Amino acid sequence: MNRERAQILGPDVKLPYLGFGTYLIPDREAASAVHEAIKAGYRHIDTAEFYGNEAGVGEGIRRALETEGLSRSDIFVTTKLWPGNAAWGQTPKTTETTISSLDESLGRLGLDYVDLYLIHAPFDPEQRLAQWRGLVALKEQRKARAVGVSNFDIGHLKELEAAEMPQPQANQIELHPWAQKPELVRYMKERGIAAIAYSSLAPLSTWRTAPGHDSGKTDAMRSDGERVDSPFKAMAKKYGVAEAQVLLRWGVQKGYAVLPKSTNPQRLRQNADIFSFTIDDDDMAAIETMDRGVALAWSVGDPTKAA
């Protein structure tokens, strides 16, 4: 059972379990959203080159540092390298352009360093190792305190291991009761690779229902989320919390950092309240049986679903 608020990624690098995700938040709205998140107690902010909102995220961080009396070291900031997708006619990043990409992200964020830098996806087999070399170099240059990957499966992680390169410190992947990825999680745990969960709220009927937010694979979930006897509704009632809090708490108890996103201040604060209760062993065991083994938010072949 996990009662901690953060996990260790490396010497003096602590990853808060509660993170604020900014995927699909427009740049013009990101500053306000991030500011509100930090005011509500979030200390882990997640963005990406691909999201197109790094400037707004950086502005929100600066506002919060000033208004909340915080220092830069109080906020854990993650961004991600967009590695380039040849299927979109993009040139895959090399080691050199990987390094320059973080410099550009830091410029947009207005920061001297990020706490975690990730390769967003394992698109190009010819350049994956080159991109990882770039991240290792950026850590050595102290522009990233920790480095990792996102959407990598066991085969991709084995590729790095076979190259006898430093292992990622984290892998950000879709994780929720319907996509539990037990083999990948076990592989990562054995190697000390932290799991960061995105799309934690996918089982809810309201997940990505706003225009332009649909994952393209949510239709099969709607009836489950709307059922009066939904297991998550029953658990929420049992613990006196919202369904979203149950799903987020499940991730934290599994040892995953979670990245809920909301621009609604009340919902934002509610999502942050996941340390005031514990899901009991019986309910955790019941959730274990719900795995459908289907990814809903991401496909390596479809970069429009990047999360």
Protein backbone atom coordinates (compact mmCIF):
# COMPACT_ATOMS: atom_id res chain seq x y z
CA MET A 1 0.00 0.00 0.00
CA ASN A 2 1.38 3.37 -1.01
CA ARG A 3 1.13 6.23 1.52
CA GLU A 4 4.00 8.28 0.11
CA ARG A 5 3.56 11.54 -1.83
CA ALA A 6 6.60 11.03 -4.09
CA GLN A 7 8.95 8.36 -5.38
CA ILE A 8 12.68 8.47 -5.90
CA LEU A 9 13.93 8.67 -9.51
CA GLY A 10 17.56 9.25 -8.63
CA PRO A 11 19.82 11.08 -6.21
CA ASP A 12 17.91 14.16 -5.00
CA VAL A 13 15.19 13.65 -7.64
CA LYS A 14 11.72 12.99 -6.24
CA LEU A 15 8.75 12.49 -8.56
CA PRO A 16 5.45 13.60 -6.94
CA TYR A 17 2.71 11.01 -7.38
CA LEU A 18 0.14 13.73 -8.01
CA GLY A 19 0.80 15.46 -11.32
CA PHE A 20 -1.16 17.91 -13.43
CA GLY A 21 -1.54 16.91 -17.08
CA THR A 22 -1.82 19.62 -19.74
CA TYR A 23 -2.58 17.59 -22.88
CA LEU A 24 -5.30 19.33 -24.95
CA ILE A 25 -5.11 22.54 -22.90
CA PRO A 26 -4.52 25.35 -25.44
CA ASP A 27 -1.49 27.55 -24.90
CA ARG A 28 -3.73 30.57 -24.24
CA GLU A 29 -5.42 28.73 -21.35
CA ALA A 30 -2.41 26.87 -19.98
CA ALA A 31 -1.03 29.66 -17.78
CA SER A 32 -4.27 30.04 -15.83
CA ALA A 33 -4.78 26.27 -15.53
CA VAL A 34 -1.24 25.60 -14.29
CA HIS A 35 -1.41 28.51 -11.87
CA GLU A 36 -4.67 27.15 -10.41
CA ALA A 37 -3.21 23.63 -10.21
CA ILE A 38 -0.19 24.75 -8.23
CA LYS A 39 -2.44 26.84 -5.94
CA ALA A 40 -4.47 23.65 -5.36
CA GLY A 41 -1.38 21.73 -4.28
CA TYR A 42 -0.08 20.10 -7.44
CA ARG A 43 3.71 20.09 -7.53
CA HIS A 44 4.27 18.03 -10.68
CA ILE A 45 3.42 19.66 -14.03
CA ASP A 46 3.49 17.64 -17.25
CA THR A 47 3.68 19.10 -20.75
CA ALA A 48 5.31 18.29 -24.10
CA GLU A 49 6.71 19.87 -27.23
CA PHE A 50 3.83 18.20 -29.13
CA TYR A 51 1.18 19.84 -26.96
CA GLY A 52 2.06 23.31 -28.21
CA ASN A 53 1.50 24.86 -24.77
CA GLU A 54 4.96 25.02 -23.19
CA ALA A 55 4.96 28.83 -23.20
CA GLY A 56 1.65 28.97 -21.34
CA VAL A 57 2.75 26.28 -18.92
CA GLY A 58 5.93 28.21 -18.15
CA GLU A 59 3.97 31.41 -17.57
CA GLY A 60 1.65 29.57 -15.19
CA ILE A 61 4.61 28.24 -13.23
CA ARG A 62 6.13 31.71 -12.93
CA ARG A 63 2.84 33.19 -11.71
CA ALA A 64 2.47 30.47 -9.11
CA LEU A 65 6.03 30.82 -7.83
CA GLU A 66 5.35 34.49 -7.24
CA THR A 67 1.87 34.26 -5.73
CA GLU A 68 2.41 31.11 -3.65
CA GLY A 69 5.87 31.98 -2.35
CA LEU A 70 7.46 28.90 -3.89
CA SER A 71 10.90 28.34 -5.39
CA ARG A 72 11.69 26.60 -8.67
CA SER A 73 12.86 23.51 -6.78
CA ASP A 74 9.37 23.09 -5.32
CA ILE A 75 7.88 22.28 -8.74
CA PHE A 76 8.67 19.12 -10.70
CA VAL A 77 8.42 19.90 -14.43
CA THR A 78 8.24 17.29 -17.18
CA THR A 79 8.33 17.93 -20.90
CA LYS A 80 8.77 15.59 -23.84
CA LEU A 81 10.79 15.46 -27.03
CA TRP A 82 8.69 15.13 -30.16
CA PRO A 83 10.94 12.61 -31.95
CA GLY A 84 9.62 13.27 -35.45
CA ASN A 85 7.35 10.91 -37.35
CA ALA A 86 8.32 9.99 -40.90
CA ALA A 87 4.69 8.97 -41.55
CA TRP A 88 3.83 12.66 -41.25
CA GLY A 89 6.68 13.68 -43.51
CA GLN A 90 8.71 14.79 -40.50
CA THR A 91 12.44 14.26 -40.17
CA PRO A 92 13.21 12.09 -37.14
CA LYS A 93 15.36 13.81 -34.55
CA THR A 94 19.06 12.97 -34.32
CA THR A 95 21.23 13.21 -31.21
CA GLU A 96 22.08 16.80 -32.09
CA THR A 97 18.52 17.90 -32.86
CA THR A 98 17.30 16.16 -29.72
CA ILE A 99 19.64 18.35 -27.68
CA SER A 100 18.56 21.50 -29.51
CA SER A 101 14.88 20.53 -29.06
CA LEU A 102 15.21 20.67 -25.29
CA ASP A 103 16.98 24.02 -25.57
CA GLU A 104 13.95 25.27 -27.52
CA SER A 105 11.52 23.80 -24.98
CA LEU A 106 13.44 25.45 -22.14
CA GLY A 107 13.20 28.75 -23.99
CA ARG A 108 9.43 28.42 -24.32
CA LEU A 109 9.07 27.33 -20.69
CA GLY A 110 11.37 30.07 -19.46
CA LEU A 111 13.35 27.56 -17.39
CA ASP A 112 17.01 26.66 -17.05
CA TYR A 113 16.26 22.95 -16.67
CA VAL A 114 13.44 20.42 -16.50
CA ASP A 115 13.15 17.76 -13.85
CA LEU A 116 12.25 15.03 -16.33
CA TYR A 117 12.68 14.86 -20.10
CA LEU A 118 11.00 12.06 -22.04
CA ILE A 119 11.05 10.75 -25.59
CA HIS A 120 7.37 11.03 -26.44
CA ALA A 121 7.10 7.87 -28.56
CA PRO A 122 9.30 5.19 -30.16
CA PHE A 123 8.51 6.15 -33.75
CA ASP A 124 11.71 5.70 -35.72
CA PRO A 125 13.77 2.50 -35.29
CA GLU A 126 16.74 4.13 -37.04
CA GLN A 127 16.93 7.09 -34.66
CA ARG A 128 15.60 5.82 -31.31
CA LEU A 129 19.07 5.10 -29.95
CA ALA A 130 20.39 8.41 -31.27
CA GLN A 131 17.57 10.26 -29.53
CA TRP A 132 18.24 8.39 -26.30
CA ARG A 133 21.93 9.33 -26.52
CA GLY A 134 20.75 12.93 -26.73
CA LEU A 135 18.73 12.57 -23.54
CA VAL A 136 21.66 10.98 -21.72
CA ALA A 137 23.84 13.90 -22.83
CA LEU A 138 21.22 16.41 -21.64
CA LYS A 139 21.20 14.80 -18.21
CA GLU A 140 24.99 15.03 -18.10
CA GLN A 141 24.66 18.73 -19.03
CA ARG A 142 22.15 19.13 -16.15
CA LYS A 143 19.49 20.50 -18.44
CA ALA A 144 17.35 17.53 -17.37
CA ARG A 145 17.62 16.16 -13.84
CA ALA A 146 16.17 12.82 -14.95
CA VAL A 147 15.41 11.27 -18.35
CA GLY A 148 12.98 8.68 -19.58
CA VAL A 149 10.59 7.60 -22.30
CA SER A 150 6.88 7.50 -23.04
CA ASN A 151 4.76 4.87 -24.80
CA PHE A 152 7.69 2.43 -24.92
CA ASP A 153 6.86 -1.27 -24.67
CA ILE A 154 9.11 -4.11 -23.53
CA GLY A 155 10.71 -4.49 -26.95
CA HIS A 156 11.67 -0.82 -27.07
CA LEU A 157 13.11 -0.94 -23.56
CA LYS A 158 15.08 -4.08 -24.39
CA GLU A 159 16.56 -2.24 -27.37
CA LEU A 160 18.09 0.34 -25.00
CA GLU A 161 19.27 -2.39 -22.65
CA ALA A 162 20.89 -4.34 -25.48
CA ALA A 163 22.77 -1.20 -26.52
CA GLU A 164 24.27 -1.14 -23.01
CA MET A 165 23.03 2.38 -22.47
CA PRO A 166 21.70 3.85 -19.21
CA GLN A 167 18.15 2.72 -18.54
CA PRO A 168 15.26 5.22 -18.55
CA GLN A 169 14.31 6.44 -15.12
CA ALA A 170 10.63 6.55 -16.06
CA ASN A 171 8.18 5.43 -18.75
CA GLN A 172 4.95 7.40 -19.13
CA ILE A 173 2.26 5.03 -20.40
CA GLU A 174 -1.51 4.59 -20.49
CA LEU A 175 -2.49 2.85 -17.24
CA HIS A 176 -5.94 2.46 -15.73
CA PRO A 177 -8.12 -0.48 -14.62
CA TRP A 178 -8.98 -1.40 -18.23
CA ALA A 179 -5.37 -1.15 -19.45
CA GLN A 180 -3.16 -2.49 -16.64
CA LYS A 181 -0.22 -3.78 -18.75
CA PRO A 182 0.98 -6.26 -16.09
CA GLU A 183 3.91 -7.68 -18.10
CA LEU A 184 5.27 -4.24 -19.01
CA VAL A 185 4.81 -2.92 -15.46
CA ARG A 186 6.55 -6.00 -14.04
CA TYR A 187 9.46 -5.59 -16.49
CA MET A 188 9.83 -1.93 -15.53
CA LYS A 189 9.64 -2.62 -11.82
CA GLU A 190 12.39 -5.24 -12.06
CA ARG A 191 14.65 -2.63 -13.66
CA GLY A 192 13.74 0.29 -11.47
CA ILE A 193 11.90 2.20 -14.21
CA ALA A 194 9.13 4.30 -12.66
CA ALA A 195 5.67 4.10 -14.20
CA ILE A 196 3.85 7.37 -14.85
CA ALA A 197 0.20 6.80 -15.73
CA TYR A 198 -1.77 8.86 -18.20
CA SER A 199 -5.45 8.50 -19.18
CA SER A 200 -6.19 7.38 -15.61
CA LEU A 201 -9.81 8.51 -15.98
CA ALA A 202 -10.53 6.62 -19.21
CA PRO A 203 -13.19 4.36 -17.62
CA LEU A 204 -15.41 7.37 -16.87
CA SER A 205 -18.27 8.09 -19.27
CA THR A 206 -17.21 11.75 -19.37
CA TRP A 207 -13.61 11.02 -20.42
CA ARG A 208 -12.64 13.13 -23.46
CA THR A 209 -16.21 13.91 -24.49
CA ALA A 210 -15.43 17.56 -25.25
CA PRO A 211 -15.16 18.48 -28.95
CA GLY A 212 -11.77 17.44 -30.32
CA HIS A 213 -10.86 15.41 -27.22
CA ASP A 214 -12.20 11.98 -28.22
CA SER A 215 -9.58 9.22 -28.31
CA GLY A 216 -11.41 7.52 -31.19
CA LYS A 217 -11.82 4.34 -29.15
CA THR A 218 -14.20 5.41 -26.39
CA ASP A 219 -17.55 4.20 -27.69
CA ALA A 220 -17.19 0.79 -26.06
CA MET A 221 -16.69 2.46 -22.69
CA ARG A 222 -19.72 4.73 -22.59
CA SER A 223 -22.30 2.20 -21.44
CA ASP A 224 -20.05 1.00 -18.62
CA GLY A 225 -19.46 4.47 -17.29
CA GLU A 226 -23.15 5.37 -17.43
CA ARG A 227 -24.39 2.24 -15.63
CA VAL A 228 -25.99 2.95 -12.27
CA ASP A 229 -24.16 -0.09 -10.86
CA SER A 230 -20.75 0.90 -12.21
CA PRO A 231 -18.14 -0.61 -9.86
CA PHE A 232 -16.37 2.74 -9.65
CA LYS A 233 -19.59 4.51 -8.68
CA ALA A 234 -20.15 1.93 -5.95
CA MET A 235 -16.59 2.35 -4.67
CA ALA A 236 -16.89 6.13 -4.76
CA LYS A 237 -20.01 5.95 -2.64
CA LYS A 238 -18.30 3.55 -0.23
CA TYR A 239 -15.34 5.90 0.34
CA GLY A 240 -17.31 9.13 0.13
CA VAL A 241 -15.37 10.43 -2.87
CA ALA A 242 -15.83 10.92 -6.62
CA GLU A 243 -15.26 8.18 -9.22
CA ALA A 244 -12.29 10.08 -10.57
CA GLN A 245 -10.67 10.04 -7.14
CA VAL A 246 -11.09 6.25 -6.96
CA LEU A 247 -9.35 5.80 -10.32
CA LEU A 248 -6.52 8.15 -9.40
CA ARG A 249 -6.10 6.59 -5.97
CA TRP A 250 -5.91 3.13 -7.60
CA GLY A 251 -2.95 4.36 -9.68
CA VAL A 252 -1.13 5.81 -6.69
CA GLN A 253 -1.66 2.65 -4.64
CA LYS A 254 -0.17 0.68 -7.54
CA GLY A 255 2.88 2.94 -7.32
CA TYR A 256 2.19 5.08 -10.40
CA ALA A 257 2.38 8.84 -10.63
CA VAL A 258 -0.90 10.11 -12.11
CA LEU A 259 -1.62 13.12 -14.34
CA PRO A 260 -5.25 14.25 -14.06
CA LYS A 261 -6.22 17.27 -16.14
CA SER A 262 -9.02 19.76 -15.60
CA THR A 263 -9.54 23.46 -16.19
CA ASN A 264 -12.46 23.49 -13.74
CA PRO A 265 -11.09 24.77 -10.39
CA GLN A 266 -13.50 22.68 -8.31
CA ARG A 267 -12.76 19.48 -10.23
CA LEU A 268 -9.07 20.29 -10.18
CA ARG A 269 -9.10 20.48 -6.38
CA GLN A 270 -11.20 17.33 -6.11
CA ASN A 271 -8.76 15.39 -8.27
CA ALA A 272 -5.94 16.47 -5.97
CA ASP A 273 -7.64 14.92 -2.92
CA ILE A 274 -6.36 11.36 -3.32
CA PHE A 275 -4.31 10.99 -0.15
CA SER A 276 -7.20 11.26 2.31
CA PHE A 277 -8.49 7.72 1.77
CA THR A 278 -7.26 4.24 0.89
CA ILE A 279 -8.88 1.63 -1.35
CA ASP A 280 -9.14 -1.58 0.64
CA ASP A 281 -7.59 -4.91 -0.37
CA ASP A 282 -10.88 -6.42 -1.55
CA ASP A 283 -11.58 -3.54 -3.92
CA MET A 284 -8.01 -3.51 -5.20
CA ALA A 285 -8.34 -7.24 -5.94
CA ALA A 286 -11.65 -6.64 -7.72
CA ILE A 287 -10.09 -3.96 -9.92
CA GLU A 288 -7.32 -6.40 -10.87
CA THR A 289 -9.97 -8.49 -12.66
CA MET A 290 -11.13 -5.58 -14.84
CA ASP A 291 -8.13 -5.47 -17.19
CA ARG A 292 -9.30 -5.48 -20.83
CA GLY A 293 -5.83 -5.32 -22.31
CA VAL A 294 -6.83 -2.61 -24.78
CA ALA A 295 -5.03 0.72 -25.23
CA LEU A 296 -7.49 3.56 -25.68
CA ALA A 297 -5.43 6.72 -25.91
CA TRP A 298 -2.31 5.91 -27.87
CA SER A 299 -1.16 4.13 -30.98
CA VAL A 300 2.45 4.43 -32.15
CA GLY A 301 1.11 4.46 -35.69
CA ASP A 302 -1.26 7.33 -34.98
CA PRO A 303 0.48 10.40 -33.53
CA THR A 304 -2.83 12.30 -33.36
CA LYS A 305 -3.51 10.23 -30.24
CA ALA A 306 -0.39 11.34 -28.40
CA ALA A 307 -0.99 11.89 -24.72
